[in-house]
C-alpha atoms as a PDB file:
ATOM      1  CA  MET A   1      12.988 -26.495  28.613  1.00  0.00           C
ATOM      2  CA  SER A   2      15.176 -27.021  31.658  1.00  0.00           C
ATOM      3  CA  GLY A   3      17.963 -24.823  32.921  1.00  0.00           C
ATOM      4  CA  PRO A   4      18.145 -21.121  33.718  1.00  0.00           C
ATOM      5  CA  SER A   5      16.022 -18.523  32.018  1.00  0.00           C
ATOM      6  CA  PHE A   6      17.734 -16.329  29.440  1.00  0.00           C
ATOM      7  CA  PHE A   7      18.040 -13.348  31.784  1.00  0.00           C
ATOM      8  CA  GLN A   8      19.767 -15.599  34.336  1.00  0.00           C
ATOM      9  CA  THR A   9      22.584 -16.546  31.943  1.00  0.00           C
ATOM     10  CA  HIS A  10      25.763 -14.519  31.482  1.00  0.00           C
ATOM     11  CA  MET A  11      24.772 -13.515  27.944  1.00  0.00           C
ATOM     12  CA  GLY A  12      21.215 -12.750  29.047  1.00  0.00           C
ATOM     13  CA  HIS A  13      22.485 -10.561  31.854  1.00  0.00           C
ATOM     14  CA  ARG A  14      24.776  -8.681  29.427  1.00  0.00           C
ATOM     15  CA  PHE A  15      21.852  -8.236  27.040  1.00  0.00           C
ATOM     16  CA  VAL A  16      19.458  -6.930  29.698  1.00  0.00           C
ATOM     17  CA  GLU A  17      22.008  -4.786  31.533  1.00  0.00           C
ATOM     18  CA  GLY A  18      24.066  -3.527  28.604  1.00  0.00           C
ATOM     19  CA  THR A  19      22.572  -4.017  25.167  1.00  0.00           C
ATOM     20  CA  VAL A  20      18.989  -2.966  25.902  1.00  0.00           C
ATOM     21  CA  PRO A  21      19.949   0.293  27.657  1.00  0.00           C
ATOM     22  CA  GLN A  22      22.351   1.113  24.808  1.00  0.00           C
ATOM     23  CA  LEU A  23      19.582   0.481  22.277  1.00  0.00           C
ATOM     24  CA  VAL A  24      17.273   2.809  24.203  1.00  0.00           C
ATOM     25  CA  ARG A  25      19.944   5.537  24.273  1.00  0.00           C
ATOM     26  CA  GLU A  26      20.535   5.190  20.535  1.00  0.00           C
ATOM     27  CA  LEU A  27      16.798   5.309  19.803  1.00  0.00           C
ATOM     28  CA  GLN A  28      16.509   8.473  21.899  1.00  0.00           C
ATOM     29  CA  ARG A  29      19.451   9.973  20.007  1.00  0.00           C
ATOM     30  CA  LEU A  30      17.910   9.010  16.671  1.00  0.00           C
ATOM     31  CA  ASN A  31      14.594  10.571  17.682  1.00  0.00           C
ATOM     32  CA  SER A  32      16.319  13.802  18.734  1.00  0.00           C
ATOM     33  CA  ASN A  33      18.184  13.970  15.434  1.00  0.00           C
ATOM     34  CA  LEU A  34      14.985  13.345  13.473  1.00  0.00           C
ATOM     35  CA  GLU A  35      13.183  16.084  15.400  1.00  0.00           C
ATOM     36  CA  ARG A  36      15.998  18.522  14.592  1.00  0.00           C
ATOM     37  CA  LEU A  37      15.965  17.455  10.947  1.00  0.00           C
ATOM     38  CA  VAL A  38      12.203  17.960  10.666  1.00  0.00           C
ATOM     39  CA  ALA A  39      12.417  21.355  12.363  1.00  0.00           C
ATOM     40  CA  THR A  40      15.174  22.416   9.961  1.00  0.00           C
ATOM     41  CA  ALA A  41      13.243  21.137   6.941  1.00  0.00           C
ATOM     42  CA  GLU A  42      10.105  22.998   8.075  1.00  0.00           C
ATOM     43  CA  LEU A  43      12.135  26.162   8.571  1.00  0.00           C
ATOM     44  CA  LEU A  44      13.692  25.889   5.130  1.00  0.00           C
ATOM     45  CA  ALA A  45      10.312  25.120   3.548  1.00  0.00           C
ATOM     46  CA  GLY A  46       8.851  28.202   5.215  1.00  0.00           C
ATOM     47  CA  GLN A  47      11.684  30.353   3.903  1.00  0.00           C
ATOM     48  CA  LYS A  48      11.246  29.053   0.355  1.00  0.00           C
ATOM     49  CA  GLN A  49       7.493  29.702   0.397  1.00  0.00           C
ATOM     50  CA  SER A  50       7.897  33.207   1.797  1.00  0.00           C
ATOM     51  CA  SER A  51      10.480  34.045  -0.873  1.00  0.00           C
ATOM     52  CA  GLY A  52       7.898  33.477  -3.598  1.00  0.00           C
ATOM     53  CA  ALA A  53       9.116  30.114  -4.812  1.00  0.00           C
ATOM     54  CA  GLU A  54       6.355  27.794  -5.900  1.00  0.00           C
ATOM     55  CA  PRO A  55       6.079  24.506  -3.980  1.00  0.00           C
ATOM     56  CA  VAL A  56       6.849  21.335  -5.911  1.00  0.00           C
ATOM     57  CA  ALA A  57       3.775  19.203  -6.615  1.00  0.00           C
ATOM     58  CA  ARG A  58       4.270  15.687  -5.299  1.00  0.00           C
ATOM     59  CA  THR A  59       2.590  12.534  -6.420  1.00  0.00           C
ATOM     60  CA  PRO A  60       1.676   9.795  -3.915  1.00  0.00           C
ATOM     61  CA  GLY A  61       4.362   7.451  -5.251  1.00  0.00           C
ATOM     62  CA  ASP A  62       7.054  10.120  -5.160  1.00  0.00           C
ATOM     63  CA  SER A  63       8.979   9.366  -1.980  1.00  0.00           C
ATOM     64  CA  GLU A  64      11.959  11.563  -2.790  1.00  0.00           C
ATOM     65  CA  GLY A  65      10.095  14.782  -3.458  1.00  0.00           C
ATOM     66  CA  ARG A  66      11.030  15.066  -7.118  1.00  0.00           C
END
Protein backbone atom coordinates (compact mmCIF):
# COMPACT_ATOMS: atom_id res chain seq x y z
CA MET A 1 0.00 0.00 0.00
CA SER A 2 1.39 3.40 -0.93
CA GLY A 3 0.86 6.69 0.82
CA PRO A 4 1.29 7.76 4.43
CA SER A 5 0.91 5.42 7.36
CA PHE A 6 -2.26 5.74 9.41
CA PHE A 7 -0.57 7.66 12.22
CA GLN A 8 0.72 10.18 9.66
CA THR A 9 -2.78 11.09 8.45
CA HIS A 10 -4.96 13.75 10.05
CA MET A 11 -7.44 11.15 11.32
CA GLY A 12 -4.61 8.90 12.51
CA HIS A 13 -3.02 11.76 14.39
CA ARG A 14 -6.37 12.60 16.05
CA PHE A 15 -6.81 8.94 16.98
CA VAL A 16 -3.33 8.56 18.48
CA GLU A 17 -3.25 11.96 20.19
CA GLY A 18 -6.87 12.25 21.28
CA THR A 19 -8.93 9.08 21.14
CA VAL A 20 -6.41 6.65 22.62
CA PRO A 21 -5.58 8.83 25.65
CA GLN A 22 -9.31 9.39 26.26
CA LEU A 23 -9.91 5.64 26.10
CA VAL A 24 -7.13 5.07 28.64
CA ARG A 25 -8.62 7.69 30.98
CA GLU A 26 -12.07 6.11 30.71
CA LEU A 27 -10.66 2.63 31.35
CA GLN A 28 -8.86 3.95 34.44
CA ARG A 29 -12.10 5.56 35.61
CA LEU A 30 -14.03 2.35 35.00
CA ASN A 31 -11.45 0.35 36.94
CA SER A 32 -11.62 2.78 39.87
CA ASN A 33 -15.41 2.57 39.93
CA LEU A 34 -15.30 -1.23 39.81
CA GLU A 35 -12.80 -1.32 42.68
CA ARG A 36 -15.10 0.90 44.76
CA LEU A 37 -18.10 -1.24 43.86
CA VAL A 38 -16.32 -4.45 44.87
CA ALA A 39 -15.14 -2.90 48.13
CA THR A 40 -18.69 -1.77 48.91
CA ALA A 41 -20.13 -5.18 48.03
CA GLU A 42 -17.55 -6.92 50.24
CA LEU A 43 -18.35 -4.55 53.08
CA LEU A 44 -22.07 -5.16 52.75
CA ALA A 45 -21.54 -8.92 52.50
CA GLY A 46 -19.47 -8.82 55.67
CA GLN A 47 -22.18 -6.89 57.48
CA LYS A 48 -24.88 -9.35 56.40
CA GLN A 49 -22.83 -12.36 57.54
CA SER A 50 -22.01 -10.80 60.90
CA SER A 51 -25.68 -9.99 61.49
CA GLY A 52 -26.55 -13.68 61.39
CA ALA A 53 -28.10 -13.78 57.94
CA GLU A 54 -27.43 -16.96 56.06
CA PRO A 55 -25.55 -16.59 52.76
CA VAL A 56 -27.46 -17.42 49.59
CA ALA A 57 -26.31 -20.64 47.92
CA ARG A 58 -25.34 -19.98 44.32
CA THR A 59 -25.25 -22.40 41.46
CA PRO A 60 -22.55 -22.17 38.77
CA GLY A 61 -25.04 -20.98 36.14
CA ASP A 62 -26.52 -18.34 38.43
CA SER A 63 -24.87 -15.12 37.30
CA GLU A 64 -27.24 -12.79 39.11
CA GLY A 65 -26.92 -14.27 42.57
CA ARG A 66 -30.51 -15.44 42.88
